[in-house]
Amino acid sequence: MITGAQIRSARAIIKWEQKQLAQAGGVSVETIKRLEKIDGPLLSATGNTVSKIQVALEAAGVTFIDGEYSGMGGPGVRLRDPA
């Protein structure tokens, strides 16, 4: 499960405004704003909403890092190598 901080970070790394993510993910800007305020996993959101957002960001080149398995101490994001 991704976090609100990961969504904010993902948008920053690809230089997207909330409106752009909302359009790409087929959700409202208000939904993006609400989810980005949540600390930790997005348990209050439906799986479908989170999936739409994650798919849109991944299509734009973002890779989500699960902190549990990353060995880096927490969840994060990175920009996929354009190769």
PDB file of N, CA and C in Angstrom:
ATOM      1  N   MET A   1       0.848  -1.176   0.000  1.00  0.00           N
ATOM      2  CA  MET A   1       0.000   0.000   0.000  1.00  0.00           C
ATOM      3  C   MET A   1       0.893   1.238   0.000  1.00  0.00           C
ATOM      4  N   ILE A   2       0.618   2.179  -0.888  1.00  0.00           N
ATOM      5  CA  ILE A   2       1.404   3.402  -0.948  1.00  0.00           C
ATOM      6  C   ILE A   2       0.922   4.396   0.121  1.00  0.00           C
ATOM      7  N   THR A   3       1.709   5.431   0.340  1.00  0.00           N
ATOM      8  CA  THR A   3       1.398   6.432   1.359  1.00  0.00           C
ATOM      9  C   THR A   3       1.114   7.792   0.725  1.00  0.00           C
ATOM     10  N   GLY A   4       0.542   8.677   1.528  1.00  0.00           N
ATOM     11  CA  GLY A   4       0.305  10.038   1.057  1.00  0.00           C
ATOM     12  C   GLY A   4       1.607  10.738   0.697  1.00  0.00           C
ATOM     13  N   ALA A   5       2.632  10.513   1.496  1.00  0.00           N
ATOM     14  CA  ALA A   5       3.943  11.118   1.219  1.00  0.00           C
ATOM     15  C   ALA A   5       4.520  10.615  -0.100  1.00  0.00           C
ATOM     16  N   GLN A   6       4.285   9.353  -0.418  1.00  0.00           N
ATOM     17  CA  GLN A   6       4.768   8.824  -1.694  1.00  0.00           C
ATOM     18  C   GLN A   6       4.055   9.487  -2.867  1.00  0.00           C
ATOM     19  N   ILE A   7       2.775   9.750  -2.728  1.00  0.00           N
ATOM     20  CA  ILE A   7       2.054  10.437  -3.806  1.00  0.00           C
ATOM     21  C   ILE A   7       2.628  11.842  -3.995  1.00  0.00           C
ATOM     22  N   ARG A   8       2.811  12.571  -2.901  1.00  0.00           N
ATOM     23  CA  ARG A   8       3.386  13.923  -2.989  1.00  0.00           C
ATOM     24  C   ARG A   8       4.766  13.887  -3.638  1.00  0.00           C
ATOM     25  N   SER A   9       5.595  12.936  -3.182  1.00  0.00           N
ATOM     26  CA  SER A   9       6.951  12.819  -3.717  1.00  0.00           C
ATOM     27  C   SER A   9       6.952  12.432  -5.188  1.00  0.00           C
ATOM     28  N   ALA A  10       6.058  11.523  -5.546  1.00  0.00           N
ATOM     29  CA  ALA A  10       5.962  11.090  -6.942  1.00  0.00           C
ATOM     30  C   ALA A  10       5.580  12.258  -7.845  1.00  0.00           C
ATOM     31  N   ARG A  11       4.609  13.047  -7.398  1.00  0.00           N
ATOM     32  CA  ARG A  11       4.212  14.213  -8.202  1.00  0.00           C
ATOM     33  C   ARG A  11       5.378  15.176  -8.364  1.00  0.00           C
ATOM     34  N   ALA A  12       6.131  15.366  -7.287  1.00  0.00           N
ATOM     35  CA  ALA A  12       7.260  16.300  -7.332  1.00  0.00           C
ATOM     36  C   ALA A  12       8.337  15.819  -8.305  1.00  0.00           C
ATOM     37  N   ILE A  13       8.625  14.531  -8.283  1.00  0.00           N
ATOM     38  CA  ILE A  13       9.709  14.002  -9.114  1.00  0.00           C
ATOM     39  C   ILE A  13       9.383  14.086 -10.609  1.00  0.00           C
ATOM     40  N   ILE A  14       8.088  14.055 -10.946  1.00  0.00           N
ATOM     41  CA  ILE A  14       7.709  14.173 -12.358  1.00  0.00           C
ATOM     42  C   ILE A  14       7.129  15.557 -12.681  1.00  0.00           C
ATOM     43  N   LYS A  15       7.157  16.445 -11.669  1.00  0.00           N
ATOM     44  CA  LYS A  15       6.729  17.839 -11.840  1.00  0.00           C
ATOM     45  C   LYS A  15       5.262  17.967 -12.263  1.00  0.00           C
ATOM     46  N   TRP A  16       4.403  17.204 -11.620  1.00  0.00           N
ATOM     47  CA  TRP A  16       2.966  17.262 -11.880  1.00  0.00           C
ATOM     48  C   TRP A  16       2.259  18.036 -10.783  1.00  0.00           C
ATOM     49  N   GLU A  17       1.271  18.802 -11.155  1.00  0.00           N
ATOM     50  CA  GLU A  17       0.361  19.431 -10.203  1.00  0.00           C
ATOM     51  C   GLU A  17      -0.693  18.393  -9.821  1.00  0.00           C
ATOM     52  N   GLN A  18      -1.423  18.673  -8.747  1.00  0.00           N
ATOM     53  CA  GLN A  18      -2.483  17.761  -8.323  1.00  0.00           C
ATOM     54  C   GLN A  18      -3.519  17.560  -9.433  1.00  0.00           C
ATOM     55  N   LYS A  19      -3.796  18.611 -10.171  1.00  0.00           N
ATOM     56  CA  LYS A  19      -4.786  18.531 -11.252  1.00  0.00           C
ATOM     57  C   LYS A  19      -4.345  17.536 -12.329  1.00  0.00           C
ATOM     58  N   GLN A  20      -3.075  17.543 -12.657  1.00  0.00           N
ATOM     59  CA  GLN A  20      -2.573  16.620 -13.673  1.00  0.00           C
ATOM     60  C   GLN A  20      -2.716  15.165 -13.223  1.00  0.00           C
ATOM     61  N   LEU A  21      -2.394  14.902 -11.953  1.00  0.00           N
ATOM     62  CA  LEU A  21      -2.529  13.549 -11.441  1.00  0.00           C
ATOM     63  C   LEU A  21      -3.994  13.135 -11.399  1.00  0.00           C
ATOM     64  N   ALA A  22      -4.856  14.035 -10.992  1.00  0.00           N
ATOM     65  CA  ALA A  22      -6.291  13.733 -10.943  1.00  0.00           C
ATOM     66  C   ALA A  22      -6.801  13.348 -12.332  1.00  0.00           C
ATOM     67  N   GLN A  23      -6.403  14.110 -13.331  1.00  0.00           N
ATOM     68  CA  GLN A  23      -6.833  13.807 -14.700  1.00  0.00           C
ATOM     69  C   GLN A  23      -6.275  12.474 -15.172  1.00  0.00           C
ATOM     70  N   ALA A  24      -4.999  12.245 -14.932  1.00  0.00           N
ATOM     71  CA  ALA A  24      -4.362  11.006 -15.388  1.00  0.00           C
ATOM     72  C   ALA A  24      -4.924   9.783 -14.671  1.00  0.00           C
ATOM     73  N   GLY A  25      -5.314   9.965 -13.417  1.00  0.00           N
ATOM     74  CA  GLY A  25      -5.819   8.846 -12.641  1.00  0.00           C
ATOM     75  C   GLY A  25      -7.325   8.687 -12.657  1.00  0.00           C
ATOM     76  N   GLY A  26      -8.016   9.646 -13.242  1.00  0.00           N
ATOM     77  CA  GLY A  26      -9.467   9.563 -13.298  1.00  0.00           C
ATOM     78  C   GLY A  26     -10.129   9.725 -11.936  1.00  0.00           C
ATOM     79  N   VAL A  27      -9.524  10.562 -11.093  1.00  0.00           N
ATOM     80  CA  VAL A  27     -10.093  10.860  -9.782  1.00  0.00           C
ATOM     81  C   VAL A  27     -10.180  12.377  -9.635  1.00  0.00           C
ATOM     82  N   SER A  28     -10.819  12.838  -8.576  1.00  0.00           N
ATOM     83  CA  SER A  28     -10.965  14.281  -8.386  1.00  0.00           C
ATOM     84  C   SER A  28      -9.723  14.881  -7.732  1.00  0.00           C
ATOM     85  N   VAL A  29      -9.551  16.176  -7.937  1.00  0.00           N
ATOM     86  CA  VAL A  29      -8.458  16.900  -7.287  1.00  0.00           C
ATOM     87  C   VAL A  29      -8.635  16.825  -5.772  1.00  0.00           C
ATOM     88  N   GLU A  30      -9.870  16.913  -5.309  1.00  0.00           N
ATOM     89  CA  GLU A  30     -10.138  16.817  -3.872  1.00  0.00           C
ATOM     90  C   GLU A  30      -9.680  15.472  -3.307  1.00  0.00           C
ATOM     91  N   THR A  31      -9.824  14.416  -4.075  1.00  0.00           N
ATOM     92  CA  THR A  31      -9.359  13.094  -3.632  1.00  0.00           C
ATOM     93  C   THR A  31      -7.844  13.100  -3.482  1.00  0.00           C
ATOM     94  N   ILE A  32      -7.148  13.664  -4.443  1.00  0.00           N
ATOM     95  CA  ILE A  32      -5.684  13.757  -4.369  1.00  0.00           C
ATOM     96  C   ILE A  32      -5.285  14.551  -3.132  1.00  0.00           C
ATOM     97  N   LYS A  33      -5.902  15.698  -2.921  1.00  0.00           N
ATOM     98  CA  LYS A  33      -5.588  16.538  -1.761  1.00  0.00           C
ATOM     99  C   LYS A  33      -5.806  15.781  -0.459  1.00  0.00           C
ATOM    100  N   ARG A  34      -6.917  15.074  -0.365  1.00  0.00           N
ATOM    101  CA  ARG A  34      -7.248  14.338   0.858  1.00  0.00           C
ATOM    102  C   ARG A  34      -6.236  13.226   1.108  1.00  0.00           C
ATOM    103  N   LEU A  35      -5.899  12.480   0.075  1.00  0.00           N
ATOM    104  CA  LEU A  35      -4.973  11.364   0.249  1.00  0.00           C
ATOM    105  C   LEU A  35      -3.557  11.830   0.576  1.00  0.00           C
ATOM    106  N   GLU A  36      -3.136  12.934  -0.001  1.00  0.00           N
ATOM    107  CA  GLU A  36      -1.782  13.425   0.252  1.00  0.00           C
ATOM    108  C   GLU A  36      -1.603  13.905   1.693  1.00  0.00           C
ATOM    109  N   LYS A  37      -2.677  14.210   2.383  1.00  0.00           N
ATOM    110  CA  LYS A  37      -2.600  14.658   3.778  1.00  0.00           C
ATOM    111  C   LYS A  37      -2.464  13.503   4.761  1.00  0.00           C
ATOM    112  N   ILE A  38      -2.713  12.287   4.302  1.00  0.00           N
ATOM    113  CA  ILE A  38      -2.704  11.125   5.195  1.00  0.00           C
ATOM    114  C   ILE A  38      -1.268  10.698   5.482  1.00  0.00           C
ATOM    115  N   ASP A  39      -0.970  10.545   6.779  1.00  0.00           N
ATOM    116  CA  ASP A  39       0.326   9.990   7.176  1.00  0.00           C
ATOM    117  C   ASP A  39       0.227   8.472   7.147  1.00  0.00           C
ATOM    118  N   GLY A  40       1.154   7.836   6.508  1.00  0.00           N
ATOM    119  CA  GLY A  40       1.155   6.382   6.460  1.00  0.00           C
ATOM    120  C   GLY A  40       0.338   5.829   5.312  1.00  0.00           C
ATOM    121  N   PRO A  41       0.076   4.528   5.358  1.00  0.00           N
ATOM    122  CA  PRO A  41      -0.663   3.856   4.281  1.00  0.00           C
ATOM    123  C   PRO A  41      -2.055   4.434   4.093  1.00  0.00           C
ATOM    124  N   LEU A  42      -2.530   4.397   2.880  1.00  0.00           N
ATOM    125  CA  LEU A  42      -3.827   4.991   2.526  1.00  0.00           C
ATOM    126  C   LEU A  42      -4.959   4.004   2.784  1.00  0.00           C
ATOM    127  N   LEU A  43      -5.136   3.655   4.037  1.00  0.00           N
ATOM    128  CA  LEU A  43      -6.129   2.659   4.414  1.00  0.00           C
ATOM    129  C   LEU A  43      -7.555   3.171   4.287  1.00  0.00           C
ATOM    130  N   SER A  44      -7.744   4.496   4.343  1.00  0.00           N
ATOM    131  CA  SER A  44      -9.100   5.043   4.270  1.00  0.00           C
ATOM    132  C   SER A  44      -9.611   5.157   2.832  1.00  0.00           C
ATOM    133  N   ALA A  45      -8.748   4.943   1.859  1.00  0.00           N
ATOM    134  CA  ALA A  45      -9.143   5.049   0.452  1.00  0.00           C
ATOM    135  C   ALA A  45      -9.510   3.666  -0.089  1.00  0.00           C
ATOM    136  N   THR A  46     -10.352   3.662  -1.094  1.00  0.00           N
ATOM    137  CA  THR A  46     -10.682   2.378  -1.714  1.00  0.00           C
ATOM    138  C   THR A  46      -9.483   1.894  -2.532  1.00  0.00           C
ATOM    139  N   GLY A  47      -9.360   0.595  -2.625  1.00  0.00           N
ATOM    140  CA  GLY A  47      -8.263   0.012  -3.396  1.00  0.00           C
ATOM    141  C   GLY A  47      -8.270   0.452  -4.843  1.00  0.00           C
ATOM    142  N   ASN A  48      -9.462   0.645  -5.404  1.00  0.00           N
ATOM    143  CA  ASN A  48      -9.591   1.069  -6.792  1.00  0.00           C
ATOM    144  C   ASN A  48      -9.024   2.483  -6.986  1.00  0.00           C
ATOM    145  N   THR A  49      -9.310   3.380  -6.043  1.00  0.00           N
ATOM    146  CA  THR A  49      -8.812   4.758  -6.137  1.00  0.00           C
ATOM    147  C   THR A  49      -7.299   4.786  -6.051  1.00  0.00           C
ATOM    148  N   VAL A  50      -6.750   4.093  -5.067  1.00  0.00           N
ATOM    149  CA  VAL A  50      -5.299   4.044  -4.899  1.00  0.00           C
ATOM    150  C   VAL A  50      -4.646   3.414  -6.126  1.00  0.00           C
ATOM    151  N   SER A  51      -5.243   2.375  -6.647  1.00  0.00           N
ATOM    152  CA  SER A  51      -4.709   1.705  -7.829  1.00  0.00           C
ATOM    153  C   SER A  51      -4.667   2.645  -9.032  1.00  0.00           C
ATOM    154  N   LYS A  52      -5.727   3.409  -9.251  1.00  0.00           N
ATOM    155  CA  LYS A  52      -5.765   4.356 -10.372  1.00  0.00           C
ATOM    156  C   LYS A  52      -4.632   5.377 -10.267  1.00  0.00           C
ATOM    157  N   ILE A  53      -4.423   5.875  -9.068  1.00  0.00           N
ATOM    158  CA  ILE A  53      -3.370   6.871  -8.840  1.00  0.00           C
ATOM    159  C   ILE A  53      -1.998   6.247  -9.050  1.00  0.00           C
ATOM    160  N   GLN A  54      -1.796   5.068  -8.490  1.00  0.00           N
ATOM    161  CA  GLN A  54      -0.509   4.402  -8.616  1.00  0.00           C
ATOM    162  C   GLN A  54      -0.204   4.066 -10.074  1.00  0.00           C
ATOM    163  N   VAL A  55      -1.183   3.565 -10.798  1.00  0.00           N
ATOM    164  CA  VAL A  55      -0.987   3.227 -12.210  1.00  0.00           C
ATOM    165  C   VAL A  55      -0.627   4.470 -13.024  1.00  0.00           C
ATOM    166  N   ALA A  56      -1.313   5.579 -12.763  1.00  0.00           N
ATOM    167  CA  ALA A  56      -1.032   6.824 -13.492  1.00  0.00           C
ATOM    168  C   ALA A  56       0.393   7.295 -13.235  1.00  0.00           C
ATOM    169  N   LEU A  57       0.820   7.241 -11.981  1.00  0.00           N
ATOM    170  CA  LEU A  57       2.174   7.680 -11.646  1.00  0.00           C
ATOM    171  C   LEU A  57       3.229   6.731 -12.214  1.00  0.00           C
ATOM    172  N   GLU A  58       2.965   5.444 -12.164  1.00  0.00           N
ATOM    173  CA  GLU A  58       3.907   4.480 -12.735  1.00  0.00           C
ATOM    174  C   GLU A  58       4.015   4.639 -14.248  1.00  0.00           C
ATOM    175  N   ALA A  59       2.911   4.944 -14.909  1.00  0.00           N
ATOM    176  CA  ALA A  59       2.936   5.172 -16.355  1.00  0.00           C
ATOM    177  C   ALA A  59       3.772   6.403 -16.700  1.00  0.00           C
ATOM    178  N   ALA A  60       3.856   7.341 -15.751  1.00  0.00           N
ATOM    179  CA  ALA A  60       4.652   8.559 -15.959  1.00  0.00           C
ATOM    180  C   ALA A  60       6.121   8.356 -15.596  1.00  0.00           C
ATOM    181  N   GLY A  61       6.474   7.152 -15.141  1.00  0.00           N
ATOM    182  CA  GLY A  61       7.879   6.849 -14.884  1.00  0.00           C
ATOM    183  C   GLY A  61       8.270   6.697 -13.429  1.00  0.00           C
ATOM    184  N   VAL A  62       7.319   6.727 -12.516  1.00  0.00           N
ATOM    185  CA  VAL A  62       7.616   6.600 -11.090  1.00  0.00           C
ATOM    186  C   VAL A  62       7.661   5.128 -10.694  1.00  0.00           C
ATOM    187  N   THR A  63       8.620   4.785  -9.850  1.00  0.00           N
ATOM    188  CA  THR A  63       8.686   3.469  -9.234  1.00  0.00           C
ATOM    189  C   THR A  63       8.479   3.653  -7.740  1.00  0.00           C
ATOM    190  N   PHE A  64       7.571   2.887  -7.170  1.00  0.00           N
ATOM    191  CA  PHE A  64       7.311   2.953  -5.741  1.00  0.00           C
ATOM    192  C   PHE A  64       8.209   1.965  -5.021  1.00  0.00           C
ATOM    193  N   ILE A  65       8.810   2.418  -3.929  1.00  0.00           N
ATOM    194  CA  ILE A  65       9.710   1.589  -3.142  1.00  0.00           C
ATOM    195  C   ILE A  65       9.017   1.255  -1.827  1.00  0.00           C
ATOM    196  N   ASP A  66       8.852  -0.025  -1.571  1.00  0.00           N
ATOM    197  CA  ASP A  66       8.239  -0.498  -0.337  1.00  0.00           C
ATOM    198  C   ASP A  66       9.316  -0.503   0.738  1.00  0.00           C
ATOM    199  N   GLY A  67       9.158   0.308   1.749  1.00  0.00           N
ATOM    200  CA  GLY A  67      10.164   0.435   2.797  1.00  0.00           C
ATOM    201  C   GLY A  67      10.503  -0.859   3.484  1.00  0.00           C
ATOM    202  N   GLU A  68       9.552  -1.767   3.561  1.00  0.00           N
ATOM    203  CA  GLU A  68       9.767  -3.038   4.237  1.00  0.00           C
ATOM    204  C   GLU A  68      10.851  -3.865   3.545  1.00  0.00           C
ATOM    205  N   TYR A  69      10.946  -3.726   2.238  1.00  0.00           N
ATOM    206  CA  TYR A  69      11.885  -4.552   1.480  1.00  0.00           C
ATOM    207  C   TYR A  69      13.038  -3.770   0.856  1.00  0.00           C
ATOM    208  N   SER A  70      13.026  -2.467   1.015  1.00  0.00           N
ATOM    209  CA  SER A  70      14.020  -1.661   0.315  1.00  0.00           C
ATOM    210  C   SER A  70      15.377  -1.642   1.007  1.00  0.00           C
ATOM    211  N   GLY A  71      15.405  -1.916   2.316  1.00  0.00           N
ATOM    212  CA  GLY A  71      16.663  -1.821   3.044  1.00  0.00           C
ATOM    213  C   GLY A  71      17.090  -0.387   3.268  1.00  0.00           C
ATOM    214  N   MET A  72      16.210   0.560   2.960  1.00  0.00           N
ATOM    215  CA  MET A  72      16.532   1.977   3.082  1.00  0.00           C
ATOM    216  C   MET A  72      15.782   2.650   4.227  1.00  0.00           C
ATOM    217  N   GLY A  73      15.053   1.892   4.999  1.00  0.00           N
ATOM    218  CA  GLY A  73      14.426   2.453   6.175  1.00  0.00           C
ATOM    219  C   GLY A  73      13.042   3.024   6.007  1.00  0.00           C
ATOM    220  N   GLY A  74      12.443   2.937   4.866  1.00  0.00           N
ATOM    221  CA  GLY A  74      11.087   3.441   4.709  1.00  0.00           C
ATOM    222  C   GLY A  74      10.665   3.477   3.259  1.00  0.00           C
ATOM    223  N   PRO A  75       9.361   3.686   3.046  1.00  0.00           N
ATOM    224  CA  PRO A  75       8.856   3.749   1.676  1.00  0.00           C
ATOM    225  C   PRO A  75       9.344   5.002   0.966  1.00  0.00           C
ATOM    226  N   GLY A  76       9.369   4.942  -0.348  1.00  0.00           N
ATOM    227  CA  GLY A  76       9.798   6.088  -1.132  1.00  0.00           C
ATOM    228  C   GLY A  76       9.408   5.930  -2.595  1.00  0.00           C
ATOM    229  N   VAL A  77       9.974   6.808  -3.410  1.00  0.00           N
ATOM    230  CA  VAL A  77       9.747   6.763  -4.852  1.00  0.00           C
ATOM    231  C   VAL A  77      11.058   7.071  -5.551  1.00  0.00           C
ATOM    232  N   ARG A  78      11.144   6.661  -6.776  1.00  0.00           N
ATOM    233  CA  ARG A  78      12.276   7.041  -7.622  1.00  0.00           C
ATOM    234  C   ARG A  78      11.791   7.116  -9.056  1.00  0.00           C
ATOM    235  N   LEU A  79      12.531   7.813  -9.864  1.00  0.00           N
ATOM    236  CA  LEU A  79      12.203   7.941 -11.281  1.00  0.00           C
ATOM    237  C   LEU A  79      12.873   6.791 -12.021  1.00  0.00           C
ATOM    238  N   ARG A  80      12.093   6.083 -12.786  1.00  0.00           N
ATOM    239  CA  ARG A  80      12.595   4.937 -13.541  1.00  0.00           C
ATOM    240  C   ARG A  80      13.629   5.408 -14.567  1.00  0.00           C
ATOM    241  N   ASP A  81      14.629   4.627 -14.759  1.00  0.00           N
ATOM    242  CA  ASP A  81      15.667   4.925 -15.757  1.00  0.00           C
ATOM    243  C   ASP A  81      15.017   4.934 -17.138  1.00  0.00           C
ATOM    244  N   PRO A  82      15.159   6.019 -17.889  1.00  0.00           N
ATOM    245  CA  PRO A  82      14.497   6.113 -19.198  1.00  0.00           C
ATOM    246  C   PRO A  82      15.005   5.136 -20.245  1.00  0.00           C
ATOM    247  N   ALA A  83      16.030   4.358 -19.915  1.00  0.00           N
ATOM    248  CA  ALA A  83      16.568   3.394 -20.884  1.00  0.00           C
ATOM    249  C   ALA A  83      15.487   2.440 -21.244  1.00  0.00           C
TER     250      ALA A  83
END
